[in-house]
Amino acid sequence: MRNVNMKTLLATTVTVTAMLSATVQAETKPAVIFDMGGKFDKSFNQSAYEGAERFKEATGGEYDSFEITNEGQREQAQRKLAQRGGSPVVAIGFAQMGPLEKTAKDFPDTNFVIIDGVVDLPNVRSVVFREHEGSFLVGALAALKSETAAVGFIGGMDIPLIRRFGCGYAQGAKHVNADVKVTQNMTGSTPDAWNNPTKGGELTKAQIDSGVDVIYAAAGGTGVGVYQAAKDAGKLAIGVDSNQNYLQPGSMLTSMVKRVDVAVEQAFNDAKAGEFETGLQSLGLAEGGVDWALDEYNRDLVTPEMEAKINEIKAGIVDGSITVHDYMSDSTCPVE
């Protein structure tokens, strides 16, 4: 009789433990850490914010968040959210890679996501985008639209990732017009380059003075200054990351959409469903990770012939008949 009671007690204990574990898992709150520029930068961070908000609206679930305002806060924020029981903790931006290498090792039972970087640890999902593919498309559209055969690119912080945008853009422009002139400038070499609309406007004016009439910005909040200066001069601009066509209707030719929002929402949903997987995810045109934006704000700027050409090029990149050089794999650009 005693053995039967012990078996019953053990079975009950296992059941209760499982129930408690399931409860803890169900109550786990995801979290996101926005990088410099803030969650309302109208670009990269805001896209992540919109994905988190969609998760919240669709599921009723809450999430924690933190906005980085100085370089020293990244590791502190990661640890703080992990200590609170957040999982997954989504770190936005390549600059969070270094801190996450340490944090993820110290919290092996917490799942993390790094956007725009790779951390090779068993509890980290690394999400990277093939920005050069989407930039190729908007570069082609810029060259098709340009009346001066001169297009421009303004990057934020001068890093290989942003050079990848610029190189893809130049390749796309040259693909449709081998004689097009492509002018490129970087805003700076420090994180302040992501949030300097005044400098963005100055660089835009200088490019316009040299004959450029379509300018692509991959510069975070700095892009706001680019778009305003282009509009003031009667020229066209191209947005990045989020669909920014609405910011200056009538003067935004398109936006190179980078679906950071989808990556964040998917990570949250996977965790909620108990289906979270770690490892590397590379998202390009074929996966819907990048694209170009066509909507009511730029419809009048894009002719049916232009639209057909860009979609033809897109199909070529997806099926492999058009190859786009990746600056990140070889730090040269074949058309510069």
C-alpha atoms as a PDB file:
ATOM      1  CA  MET A   1       0.000   0.000   0.000  1.00  0.00           C
ATOM      2  CA  ARG A   2       2.835   2.276   0.878  1.00  0.00           C
ATOM      3  CA  ASN A   3       4.454   1.729  -2.555  1.00  0.00           C
ATOM      4  CA  VAL A   4       1.199   2.618  -4.305  1.00  0.00           C
ATOM      5  CA  ASN A   5       0.956   5.858  -2.308  1.00  0.00           C
ATOM      6  CA  MET A   6       4.540   6.745  -3.148  1.00  0.00           C
ATOM      7  CA  LYS A   7       3.891   6.159  -6.849  1.00  0.00           C
ATOM      8  CA  THR A   8       0.767   8.286  -6.637  1.00  0.00           C
ATOM      9  CA  LEU A   9       2.681  11.030  -4.848  1.00  0.00           C
ATOM     10  CA  LEU A  10       5.478  10.970  -7.431  1.00  0.00           C
ATOM     11  CA  ALA A  11       3.001  11.092 -10.309  1.00  0.00           C
ATOM     12  CA  THR A  12       1.196  14.002  -8.681  1.00  0.00           C
ATOM     13  CA  THR A  13       4.475  15.832  -8.132  1.00  0.00           C
ATOM     14  CA  VAL A  14       5.495  15.399 -11.764  1.00  0.00           C
ATOM     15  CA  THR A  15       2.100  16.627 -12.938  1.00  0.00           C
ATOM     16  CA  VAL A  16       2.184  19.702 -10.711  1.00  0.00           C
ATOM     17  CA  THR A  17       5.751  20.486 -11.774  1.00  0.00           C
ATOM     18  CA  ALA A  18       4.754  20.254 -15.436  1.00  0.00           C
ATOM     19  CA  MET A  19       1.770  22.494 -14.842  1.00  0.00           C
ATOM     20  CA  LEU A  20       3.932  25.072 -13.072  1.00  0.00           C
ATOM     21  CA  SER A  21       6.491  24.947 -15.912  1.00  0.00           C
ATOM     22  CA  ALA A  22       3.739  25.433 -18.478  1.00  0.00           C
ATOM     23  CA  THR A  23       2.380  28.371 -16.475  1.00  0.00           C
ATOM     24  CA  VAL A  24       5.813  30.008 -16.313  1.00  0.00           C
ATOM     25  CA  GLN A  25       6.257  29.496 -20.058  1.00  0.00           C
ATOM     26  CA  ALA A  26       2.833  30.949 -20.786  1.00  0.00           C
ATOM     27  CA  GLU A  27       3.608  33.989 -18.611  1.00  0.00           C
ATOM     28  CA  THR A  28       6.977  34.671 -20.218  1.00  0.00           C
ATOM     29  CA  LYS A  29       6.937  38.177 -21.646  1.00  0.00           C
ATOM     30  CA  PRO A  30       8.954  38.944 -24.788  1.00  0.00           C
ATOM     31  CA  ALA A  31      11.053  42.081 -24.953  1.00  0.00           C
ATOM     32  CA  VAL A  32      12.686  44.331 -27.508  1.00  0.00           C
ATOM     33  CA  ILE A  33      15.649  46.691 -27.187  1.00  0.00           C
ATOM     34  CA  PHE A  34      15.549  49.618 -29.622  1.00  0.00           C
ATOM     35  CA  ASP A  35      18.926  51.003 -30.630  1.00  0.00           C
ATOM     36  CA  MET A  36      20.123  54.590 -31.014  1.00  0.00           C
ATOM     37  CA  GLY A  37      17.586  56.823 -32.701  1.00  0.00           C
ATOM     38  CA  GLY A  38      14.617  55.544 -30.705  1.00  0.00           C
ATOM     39  CA  LYS A  39      11.519  53.593 -31.554  1.00  0.00           C
ATOM     40  CA  PHE A  40       9.963  56.537 -33.413  1.00  0.00           C
ATOM     41  CA  ASP A  41      12.851  57.149 -35.825  1.00  0.00           C
ATOM     42  CA  LYS A  42      10.423  56.595 -38.741  1.00  0.00           C
ATOM     43  CA  SER A  43      12.837  53.949 -40.015  1.00  0.00           C
ATOM     44  CA  PHE A  44      14.660  50.882 -38.669  1.00  0.00           C
ATOM     45  CA  ASN A  45      13.667  51.030 -35.000  1.00  0.00           C
ATOM     46  CA  GLN A  46      10.130  52.081 -35.773  1.00  0.00           C
ATOM     47  CA  SER A  47       9.698  49.073 -38.018  1.00  0.00           C
ATOM     48  CA  ALA A  48      10.663  46.857 -35.070  1.00  0.00           C
ATOM     49  CA  TYR A  49       8.215  48.746 -32.854  1.00  0.00           C
ATOM     50  CA  GLU A  50       5.391  48.226 -35.342  1.00  0.00           C
ATOM     51  CA  GLY A  51       6.051  44.479 -35.380  1.00  0.00           C
ATOM     52  CA  ALA A  52       5.935  44.323 -31.586  1.00  0.00           C
ATOM     53  CA  GLU A  53       2.731  46.340 -31.553  1.00  0.00           C
ATOM     54  CA  ARG A  54       1.093  44.027 -34.090  1.00  0.00           C
ATOM     55  CA  PHE A  55       1.907  41.088 -31.841  1.00  0.00           C
ATOM     56  CA  LYS A  56       0.335  42.934 -28.913  1.00  0.00           C
ATOM     57  CA  GLU A  57      -2.820  43.825 -30.840  1.00  0.00           C
ATOM     58  CA  ALA A  58      -3.274  40.362 -32.353  1.00  0.00           C
ATOM     59  CA  THR A  59      -2.620  38.320 -29.218  1.00  0.00           C
ATOM     60  CA  GLY A  60      -3.394  40.632 -26.345  1.00  0.00           C
ATOM     61  CA  GLY A  61       0.069  39.835 -25.025  1.00  0.00           C
ATOM     62  CA  GLU A  62       2.332  42.426 -23.468  1.00  0.00           C
ATOM     63  CA  TYR A  63       6.018  43.002 -24.099  1.00  0.00           C
ATOM     64  CA  ASP A  64       8.823  44.894 -22.383  1.00  0.00           C
ATOM     65  CA  SER A  65      11.021  47.394 -24.177  1.00  0.00           C
ATOM     66  CA  PHE A  66      14.043  49.612 -23.698  1.00  0.00           C
ATOM     67  CA  GLU A  67      15.371  52.484 -25.821  1.00  0.00           C
ATOM     68  CA  ILE A  68      19.158  52.857 -25.982  1.00  0.00           C
ATOM     69  CA  THR A  69      20.305  56.454 -25.591  1.00  0.00           C
ATOM     70  CA  ASN A  70      24.038  55.905 -25.081  1.00  0.00           C
ATOM     71  CA  GLU A  71      26.603  53.277 -26.031  1.00  0.00           C
ATOM     72  CA  GLY A  72      27.014  51.855 -22.533  1.00  0.00           C
ATOM     73  CA  GLN A  73      23.381  50.822 -22.119  1.00  0.00           C
ATOM     74  CA  ARG A  74      23.235  47.872 -24.499  1.00  0.00           C
ATOM     75  CA  GLU A  75      24.570  45.124 -22.265  1.00  0.00           C
ATOM     76  CA  GLN A  76      22.836  46.633 -19.228  1.00  0.00           C
ATOM     77  CA  ALA A  77      19.472  46.564 -21.034  1.00  0.00           C
ATOM     78  CA  GLN A  78      19.949  42.995 -22.266  1.00  0.00           C
ATOM     79  CA  ARG A  79      20.752  41.761 -18.773  1.00  0.00           C
ATOM     80  CA  LYS A  80      17.968  43.723 -17.151  1.00  0.00           C
ATOM     81  CA  LEU A  81      15.297  42.312 -19.457  1.00  0.00           C
ATOM     82  CA  ALA A  82      16.680  38.782 -19.162  1.00  0.00           C
ATOM     83  CA  GLN A  83      16.664  39.048 -15.370  1.00  0.00           C
ATOM     84  CA  ARG A  84      13.013  40.062 -15.523  1.00  0.00           C
ATOM     85  CA  GLY A  85      12.303  36.779 -17.268  1.00  0.00           C
ATOM     86  CA  GLY A  86      11.878  38.192 -20.757  1.00  0.00           C
ATOM     87  CA  SER A  87      12.155  35.667 -23.575  1.00  0.00           C
ATOM     88  CA  PRO A  88      12.870  36.148 -26.319  1.00  0.00           C
ATOM     89  CA  VAL A  89      14.794  39.376 -25.850  1.00  0.00           C
ATOM     90  CA  VAL A  90      15.111  40.977 -29.294  1.00  0.00           C
ATOM     91  CA  ALA A  91      18.145  43.220 -29.725  1.00  0.00           C
ATOM     92  CA  ILE A  92      17.777  45.660 -32.631  1.00  0.00           C
ATOM     93  CA  GLY A  93      20.917  46.596 -34.525  1.00  0.00           C
ATOM     94  CA  PHE A  94      24.378  45.269 -35.304  1.00  0.00           C
ATOM     95  CA  ALA A  95      25.924  47.253 -32.428  1.00  0.00           C
ATOM     96  CA  GLN A  96      24.235  44.921 -29.936  1.00  0.00           C
ATOM     97  CA  MET A  97      26.228  41.899 -31.139  1.00  0.00           C
ATOM     98  CA  GLY A  98      29.231  42.396 -28.848  1.00  0.00           C
ATOM     99  CA  PRO A  99      27.221  42.792 -25.648  1.00  0.00           C
ATOM    100  CA  LEU A 100      24.921  39.927 -26.615  1.00  0.00           C
ATOM    101  CA  GLU A 101      27.877  37.559 -26.985  1.00  0.00           C
ATOM    102  CA  LYS A 102      28.372  37.940 -23.229  1.00  0.00           C
ATOM    103  CA  THR A 103      24.766  38.271 -22.113  1.00  0.00           C
ATOM    104  CA  ALA A 104      23.500  35.179 -23.941  1.00  0.00           C
ATOM    105  CA  LYS A 105      26.255  33.057 -22.380  1.00  0.00           C
ATOM    106  CA  ASP A 106      25.294  34.247 -18.899  1.00  0.00           C
ATOM    107  CA  PHE A 107      21.576  33.559 -19.483  1.00  0.00           C
ATOM    108  CA  PRO A 108      21.598  30.180 -21.286  1.00  0.00           C
ATOM    109  CA  ASP A 109      17.924  29.533 -20.506  1.00  0.00           C
ATOM    110  CA  THR A 110      16.806  32.792 -22.127  1.00  0.00           C
ATOM    111  CA  ASN A 111      16.199  33.035 -25.853  1.00  0.00           C
ATOM    112  CA  PHE A 112      17.572  36.052 -27.681  1.00  0.00           C
ATOM    113  CA  VAL A 113      17.237  37.513 -31.181  1.00  0.00           C
ATOM    114  CA  ILE A 114      19.769  39.787 -32.826  1.00  0.00           C
ATOM    115  CA  ILE A 115      18.587  41.828 -35.808  1.00  0.00           C
ATOM    116  CA  ASP A 116      21.264  42.764 -38.354  1.00  0.00           C
ATOM    117  CA  GLY A 117      23.981  40.684 -36.747  1.00  0.00           C
ATOM    118  CA  VAL A 118      25.156  37.143 -36.102  1.00  0.00           C
ATOM    119  CA  VAL A 119      25.802  35.673 -32.654  1.00  0.00           C
ATOM    120  CA  ASP A 120      26.627  31.987 -32.915  1.00  0.00           C
ATOM    121  CA  LEU A 121      25.248  30.680 -29.628  1.00  0.00           C
ATOM    122  CA  PRO A 122      22.641  27.960 -29.030  1.00  0.00           C
ATOM    123  CA  ASN A 123      20.086  30.335 -27.499  1.00  0.00           C
ATOM    124  CA  VAL A 124      20.311  33.084 -30.150  1.00  0.00           C
ATOM    125  CA  ARG A 125      18.375  33.587 -33.382  1.00  0.00           C
ATOM    126  CA  SER A 126      20.367  35.783 -35.751  1.00  0.00           C
ATOM    127  CA  VAL A 127      18.313  37.601 -38.393  1.00  0.00           C
ATOM    128  CA  VAL A 128      20.100  39.284 -41.290  1.00  0.00           C
ATOM    129  CA  PHE A 129      18.669  40.835 -44.430  1.00  0.00           C
ATOM    130  CA  ARG A 130      19.995  40.901 -47.961  1.00  0.00           C
ATOM    131  CA  GLU A 131      19.652  44.659 -48.217  1.00  0.00           C
ATOM    132  CA  HIS A 132      21.701  44.755 -51.418  1.00  0.00           C
ATOM    133  CA  GLU A 133      18.856  42.969 -53.249  1.00  0.00           C
ATOM    134  CA  GLY A 134      16.204  45.498 -52.258  1.00  0.00           C
ATOM    135  CA  SER A 135      18.624  48.365 -52.852  1.00  0.00           C
ATOM    136  CA  PHE A 136      19.283  47.034 -56.366  1.00  0.00           C
ATOM    137  CA  LEU A 137      15.568  47.408 -57.136  1.00  0.00           C
ATOM    138  CA  VAL A 138      15.284  51.002 -55.922  1.00  0.00           C
ATOM    139  CA  GLY A 139      18.552  51.877 -57.682  1.00  0.00           C
ATOM    140  CA  ALA A 140      17.096  50.602 -60.930  1.00  0.00           C
ATOM    141  CA  LEU A 141      13.931  52.641 -60.373  1.00  0.00           C
ATOM    142  CA  ALA A 142      15.983  55.738 -59.560  1.00  0.00           C
ATOM    143  CA  ALA A 143      17.888  55.443 -62.840  1.00  0.00           C
ATOM    144  CA  LEU A 144      14.690  54.858 -64.799  1.00  0.00           C
ATOM    145  CA  LYS A 145      13.129  57.959 -63.255  1.00  0.00           C
ATOM    146  CA  SER A 146      16.131  60.307 -63.330  1.00  0.00           C
ATOM    147  CA  GLU A 147      16.008  63.084 -65.896  1.00  0.00           C
ATOM    148  CA  THR A 148      19.665  64.031 -65.389  1.00  0.00           C
ATOM    149  CA  ALA A 149      21.189  60.525 -65.443  1.00  0.00           C
ATOM    150  CA  ALA A 150      22.571  61.299 -61.989  1.00  0.00           C
ATOM    151  CA  VAL A 151      21.357  59.637 -58.787  1.00  0.00           C
ATOM    152  CA  GLY A 152      22.572  59.817 -55.226  1.00  0.00           C
ATOM    153  CA  PHE A 153      22.957  57.792 -52.047  1.00  0.00           C
ATOM    154  CA  ILE A 154      23.338  59.121 -48.497  1.00  0.00           C
ATOM    155  CA  GLY A 155      24.289  56.631 -45.814  1.00  0.00           C
ATOM    156  CA  GLY A 156      24.271  57.052 -42.070  1.00  0.00           C
ATOM    157  CA  MET A 157      27.245  55.709 -40.115  1.00  0.00           C
ATOM    158  CA  ASP A 158      30.051  54.621 -42.421  1.00  0.00           C
ATOM    159  CA  ILE A 159      30.069  50.873 -41.809  1.00  0.00           C
ATOM    160  CA  PRO A 160      30.127  47.841 -44.140  1.00  0.00           C
ATOM    161  CA  LEU A 161      26.391  47.238 -43.640  1.00  0.00           C
ATOM    162  CA  ILE A 162      25.514  50.673 -45.038  1.00  0.00           C
ATOM    163  CA  ARG A 163      28.063  50.288 -47.804  1.00  0.00           C
ATOM    164  CA  ARG A 164      26.088  47.167 -48.755  1.00  0.00           C
ATOM    165  CA  PHE A 165      22.995  49.356 -49.304  1.00  0.00           C
ATOM    166  CA  GLY A 166      24.960  51.822 -51.420  1.00  0.00           C
ATOM    167  CA  CYS A 167      26.648  49.163 -53.509  1.00  0.00           C
ATOM    168  CA  GLY A 168      23.372  47.394 -54.244  1.00  0.00           C
ATOM    169  CA  TYR A 169      21.803  50.724 -55.201  1.00  0.00           C
ATOM    170  CA  ALA A 170      24.637  51.576 -57.592  1.00  0.00           C
ATOM    171  CA  GLN A 171      24.453  48.144 -59.215  1.00  0.00           C
ATOM    172  CA  GLY A 172      20.716  48.523 -59.802  1.00  0.00           C
ATOM    173  CA  ALA A 173      21.137  51.975 -61.327  1.00  0.00           C
ATOM    174  CA  LYS A 174      23.910  50.778 -63.650  1.00  0.00           C
ATOM    175  CA  HIS A 175      21.863  47.708 -64.583  1.00  0.00           C
ATOM    176  CA  VAL A 176      19.288  49.851 -66.398  1.00  0.00           C
ATOM    177  CA  ASN A 177      21.604  52.690 -67.464  1.00  0.00           C
ATOM    178  CA  ALA A 178      25.315  51.965 -67.699  1.00  0.00           C
ATOM    179  CA  ASP A 179      26.034  55.696 -68.089  1.00  0.00           C
ATOM    180  CA  VAL A 180      24.207  56.895 -64.983  1.00  0.00           C
ATOM    181  CA  LYS A 181      26.341  58.784 -62.464  1.00  0.00           C
ATOM    182  CA  VAL A 182      26.004  57.568 -58.851  1.00  0.00           C
ATOM    183  CA  THR A 183      27.141  59.938 -56.087  1.00  0.00           C
ATOM    184  CA  GLN A 184      27.540  58.538 -52.573  1.00  0.00           C
ATOM    185  CA  ASN A 185      28.109  60.246 -49.216  1.00  0.00           C
ATOM    186  CA  MET A 186      28.165  58.993 -45.636  1.00  0.00           C
ATOM    187  CA  THR A 187      26.885  61.192 -42.832  1.00  0.00           C
ATOM    188  CA  GLY A 188      29.573  60.306 -40.293  1.00  0.00           C
ATOM    189  CA  SER A 189      31.633  57.674 -38.512  1.00  0.00           C
ATOM    190  CA  THR A 190      29.904  57.676 -35.108  1.00  0.00           C
ATOM    191  CA  PRO A 191      26.394  56.632 -33.986  1.00  0.00           C
ATOM    192  CA  ASP A 192      25.346  60.299 -34.142  1.00  0.00           C
ATOM    193  CA  ALA A 193      25.212  59.826 -37.913  1.00  0.00           C
ATOM    194  CA  TRP A 194      21.893  58.012 -37.506  1.00  0.00           C
ATOM    195  CA  ASN A 195      20.139  61.060 -36.096  1.00  0.00           C
ATOM    196  CA  ASN A 196      21.460  64.158 -37.862  1.00  0.00           C
ATOM    197  CA  PRO A 197      18.778  65.446 -40.240  1.00  0.00           C
ATOM    198  CA  THR A 198      20.585  68.786 -40.592  1.00  0.00           C
ATOM    199  CA  LYS A 199      23.683  67.097 -42.009  1.00  0.00           C
ATOM    200  CA  GLY A 200      21.451  64.894 -44.160  1.00  0.00           C
ATOM    201  CA  GLY A 201      19.853  67.994 -45.646  1.00  0.00           C
ATOM    202  CA  GLU A 202      23.244  69.603 -46.327  1.00  0.00           C
ATOM    203  CA  LEU A 203      24.551  66.515 -48.120  1.00  0.00           C
ATOM    204  CA  THR A 204      21.361  66.350 -50.167  1.00  0.00           C
ATOM    205  CA  LYS A 205      21.662  69.967 -51.277  1.00  0.00           C
ATOM    206  CA  ALA A 206      25.268  69.376 -52.318  1.00  0.00           C
ATOM    207  CA  GLN A 207      24.314  66.343 -54.380  1.00  0.00           C
ATOM    208  CA  ILE A 208      21.456  68.216 -56.025  1.00  0.00           C
ATOM    209  CA  ASP A 209      23.830  71.073 -56.879  1.00  0.00           C
ATOM    210  CA  SER A 210      26.001  68.503 -58.695  1.00  0.00           C
ATOM    211  CA  GLY A 211      23.047  67.398 -60.848  1.00  0.00           C
ATOM    212  CA  VAL A 212      21.519  64.554 -58.825  1.00  0.00           C
ATOM    213  CA  ASP A 213      17.725  64.417 -59.001  1.00  0.00           C
ATOM    214  CA  VAL A 214      16.903  61.164 -57.128  1.00  0.00           C
ATOM    215  CA  ILE A 215      18.460  60.437 -53.714  1.00  0.00           C
ATOM    216  CA  TYR A 216      18.276  57.237 -51.640  1.00  0.00           C
ATOM    217  CA  ALA A 217      18.883  57.574 -47.902  1.00  0.00           C
ATOM    218  CA  ALA A 218      19.913  54.684 -45.644  1.00  0.00           C
ATOM    219  CA  ALA A 219      20.585  56.769 -42.590  1.00  0.00           C
ATOM    220  CA  GLY A 220      17.948  56.242 -39.904  1.00  0.00           C
ATOM    221  CA  GLY A 221      16.544  59.511 -38.541  1.00  0.00           C
ATOM    222  CA  THR A 222      19.014  61.476 -40.668  1.00  0.00           C
ATOM    223  CA  GLY A 223      16.896  60.510 -43.671  1.00  0.00           C
ATOM    224  CA  VAL A 224      14.172  62.915 -42.573  1.00  0.00           C
ATOM    225  CA  GLY A 225      16.472  65.788 -43.487  1.00  0.00           C
ATOM    226  CA  VAL A 226      17.267  64.165 -46.826  1.00  0.00           C
ATOM    227  CA  TYR A 227      13.611  63.821 -47.749  1.00  0.00           C
ATOM    228  CA  GLN A 228      12.780  67.397 -46.754  1.00  0.00           C
ATOM    229  CA  ALA A 229      15.685  68.851 -48.723  1.00  0.00           C
ATOM    230  CA  ALA A 230      14.771  66.824 -51.802  1.00  0.00           C
ATOM    231  CA  LYS A 231      11.178  68.013 -51.637  1.00  0.00           C
ATOM    232  CA  ASP A 232      12.220  71.647 -51.135  1.00  0.00           C
ATOM    233  CA  ALA A 233      14.371  71.421 -54.266  1.00  0.00           C
ATOM    234  CA  GLY A 234      11.675  69.742 -56.345  1.00  0.00           C
ATOM    235  CA  LYS A 235      13.627  66.477 -56.526  1.00  0.00           C
ATOM    236  CA  LEU A 236      12.826  62.904 -55.522  1.00  0.00           C
ATOM    237  CA  ALA A 237      13.927  60.803 -52.561  1.00  0.00           C
ATOM    238  CA  ILE A 238      13.832  57.112 -51.694  1.00  0.00           C
ATOM    239  CA  GLY A 239      13.098  55.910 -48.165  1.00  0.00           C
ATOM    240  CA  VAL A 240      14.445  52.918 -46.296  1.00  0.00           C
ATOM    241  CA  ASP A 241      13.534  50.148 -43.837  1.00  0.00           C
ATOM    242  CA  SER A 242       9.939  51.218 -43.175  1.00  0.00           C
ATOM    243  CA  ASN A 243       7.657  52.315 -45.999  1.00  0.00           C
ATOM    244  CA  GLN A 244       8.390  56.042 -45.779  1.00  0.00           C
ATOM    245  CA  ASN A 245       6.433  57.102 -48.858  1.00  0.00           C
ATOM    246  CA  TYR A 246       3.919  58.924 -46.658  1.00  0.00           C
ATOM    247  CA  LEU A 247       6.525  61.257 -45.155  1.00  0.00           C
ATOM    248  CA  GLN A 248       6.717  63.495 -48.226  1.00  0.00           C
ATOM    249  CA  PRO A 249       3.886  62.457 -50.564  1.00  0.00           C
ATOM    250  CA  GLY A 250       4.611  63.313 -54.165  1.00  0.00           C
ATOM    251  CA  SER A 251       8.372  63.501 -53.747  1.00  0.00           C
ATOM    252  CA  MET A 252       9.096  60.015 -52.384  1.00  0.00           C
ATOM    253  CA  LEU A 253       9.775  57.843 -55.416  1.00  0.00           C
ATOM    254  CA  THR A 254       9.631  54.654 -53.327  1.00  0.00           C
ATOM    255  CA  SER A 255      11.076  53.036 -50.206  1.00  0.00           C
ATOM    256  CA  MET A 256      13.348  50.035 -49.834  1.00  0.00           C
ATOM    257  CA  VAL A 257      11.311  48.090 -47.310  1.00  0.00           C
ATOM    258  CA  LYS A 258      13.231  45.928 -44.865  1.00  0.00           C
ATOM    259  CA  ARG A 259      10.823  43.805 -42.868  1.00  0.00           C
ATOM    260  CA  VAL A 260      12.286  44.171 -39.410  1.00  0.00           C
ATOM    261  CA  ASP A 261       8.679  44.339 -38.236  1.00  0.00           C
ATOM    262  CA  VAL A 262       8.013  40.832 -39.527  1.00  0.00           C
ATOM    263  CA  ALA A 263      11.181  39.479 -37.896  1.00  0.00           C
ATOM    264  CA  VAL A 264      10.176  40.879 -34.493  1.00  0.00           C
ATOM    265  CA  GLU A 265       6.543  39.812 -34.723  1.00  0.00           C
ATOM    266  CA  GLN A 266       7.544  36.324 -35.877  1.00  0.00           C
ATOM    267  CA  ALA A 267       9.991  35.902 -33.005  1.00  0.00           C
ATOM    268  CA  PHE A 268       7.330  36.885 -30.476  1.00  0.00           C
ATOM    269  CA  ASN A 269       4.736  34.605 -32.065  1.00  0.00           C
ATOM    270  CA  ASP A 270       7.140  31.667 -32.264  1.00  0.00           C
ATOM    271  CA  ALA A 271       7.897  31.981 -28.573  1.00  0.00           C
ATOM    272  CA  LYS A 272       4.231  32.232 -27.675  1.00  0.00           C
ATOM    273  CA  ALA A 273       3.481  29.086 -29.692  1.00  0.00           C
ATOM    274  CA  GLY A 274       6.431  27.214 -28.194  1.00  0.00           C
ATOM    275  CA  GLU A 275       8.021  26.975 -31.645  1.00  0.00           C
ATOM    276  CA  PHE A 276      10.996  29.296 -31.201  1.00  0.00           C
ATOM    277  CA  GLU A 277      14.084  28.152 -33.097  1.00  0.00           C
ATOM    278  CA  THR A 278      17.573  29.594 -32.920  1.00  0.00           C
ATOM    279  CA  GLY A 279      20.235  29.826 -35.625  1.00  0.00           C
ATOM    280  CA  LEU A 280      20.727  32.025 -38.675  1.00  0.00           C
ATOM    281  CA  GLN A 281      17.933  33.469 -40.802  1.00  0.00           C
ATOM    282  CA  SER A 282      18.861  35.316 -44.020  1.00  0.00           C
ATOM    283  CA  LEU A 283      15.942  37.204 -45.554  1.00  0.00           C
ATOM    284  CA  GLY A 284      15.995  38.630 -49.062  1.00  0.00           C
ATOM    285  CA  LEU A 285      13.576  39.154 -51.936  1.00  0.00           C
ATOM    286  CA  ALA A 286      12.706  35.462 -52.183  1.00  0.00           C
ATOM    287  CA  GLU A 287      11.683  35.322 -48.511  1.00  0.00           C
ATOM    288  CA  GLY A 288       9.851  38.657 -48.510  1.00  0.00           C
ATOM    289  CA  GLY A 289      12.490  40.127 -46.199  1.00  0.00           C
ATOM    290  CA  VAL A 290      13.160  43.126 -48.467  1.00  0.00           C
ATOM    291  CA  ASP A 291      11.185  44.758 -51.279  1.00  0.00           C
ATOM    292  CA  TRP A 292      10.218  48.069 -52.851  1.00  0.00           C
ATOM    293  CA  ALA A 293       7.093  50.000 -51.891  1.00  0.00           C
ATOM    294  CA  LEU A 294       4.316  51.046 -54.247  1.00  0.00           C
ATOM    295  CA  ASP A 295       1.216  52.658 -52.764  1.00  0.00           C
ATOM    296  CA  GLU A 296      -1.122  55.607 -53.061  1.00  0.00           C
ATOM    297  CA  TYR A 297       1.645  58.043 -52.071  1.00  0.00           C
ATOM    298  CA  ASN A 298       3.963  57.270 -54.992  1.00  0.00           C
ATOM    299  CA  ARG A 299       1.635  55.649 -57.531  1.00  0.00           C
ATOM    300  CA  ASP A 300       1.624  58.720 -59.767  1.00  0.00           C
ATOM    301  CA  LEU A 301       5.435  58.772 -59.877  1.00  0.00           C
ATOM    302  CA  VAL A 302       5.850  55.211 -61.144  1.00  0.00           C
ATOM    303  CA  THR A 303       4.631  54.459 -64.650  1.00  0.00           C
ATOM    304  CA  PRO A 304       3.242  51.008 -65.513  1.00  0.00           C
ATOM    305  CA  GLU A 305       6.338  50.462 -67.659  1.00  0.00           C
ATOM    306  CA  MET A 306       8.625  51.242 -64.722  1.00  0.00           C
ATOM    307  CA  GLU A 307       6.643  48.972 -62.427  1.00  0.00           C
ATOM    308  CA  ALA A 308       6.846  46.123 -64.927  1.00  0.00           C
ATOM    309  CA  LYS A 309      10.601  46.592 -65.334  1.00  0.00           C
ATOM    310  CA  ILE A 310      11.263  46.572 -61.592  1.00  0.00           C
ATOM    311  CA  ASN A 311       9.138  43.483 -61.092  1.00  0.00           C
ATOM    312  CA  GLU A 312      10.991  41.810 -63.978  1.00  0.00           C
ATOM    313  CA  ILE A 313      14.314  42.584 -62.281  1.00  0.00           C
ATOM    314  CA  LYS A 314      12.956  41.346 -58.966  1.00  0.00           C
ATOM    315  CA  ALA A 315      11.982  38.029 -60.554  1.00  0.00           C
ATOM    316  CA  GLY A 316      15.453  37.789 -62.073  1.00  0.00           C
ATOM    317  CA  ILE A 317      17.142  38.221 -58.695  1.00  0.00           C
ATOM    318  CA  VAL A 318      14.850  35.639 -57.110  1.00  0.00           C
ATOM    319  CA  ASP A 319      15.440  33.028 -59.826  1.00  0.00           C
ATOM    320  CA  GLY A 320      19.182  33.703 -59.923  1.00  0.00           C
ATOM    321  CA  SER A 321      19.412  35.047 -63.461  1.00  0.00           C
ATOM    322  CA  ILE A 322      20.497  38.413 -62.018  1.00  0.00           C
ATOM    323  CA  THR A 323      23.313  38.335 -59.480  1.00  0.00           C
ATOM    324  CA  VAL A 324      23.712  41.152 -56.961  1.00  0.00           C
ATOM    325  CA  HIS A 325      27.188  41.537 -55.476  1.00  0.00           C
ATOM    326  CA  ASP A 326      27.216  41.619 -51.673  1.00  0.00           C
ATOM    327  CA  TYR A 327      29.619  44.203 -50.257  1.00  0.00           C
ATOM    328  CA  MET A 328      29.604  42.358 -46.927  1.00  0.00           C
ATOM    329  CA  SER A 329      31.151  39.257 -48.482  1.00  0.00           C
ATOM    330  CA  ASP A 330      33.713  41.210 -50.495  1.00  0.00           C
ATOM    331  CA  SER A 331      34.321  44.808 -49.524  1.00  0.00           C
ATOM    332  CA  THR A 332      34.482  46.105 -53.061  1.00  0.00           C
ATOM    333  CA  CYS A 333      31.723  47.286 -55.339  1.00  0.00           C
ATOM    334  CA  PRO A 334      31.976  46.250 -59.003  1.00  0.00           C
ATOM    335  CA  VAL A 335      30.353  49.405 -60.340  1.00  0.00           C
ATOM    336  CA  GLU A 336      32.064  52.072 -58.283  1.00  0.00           C
END
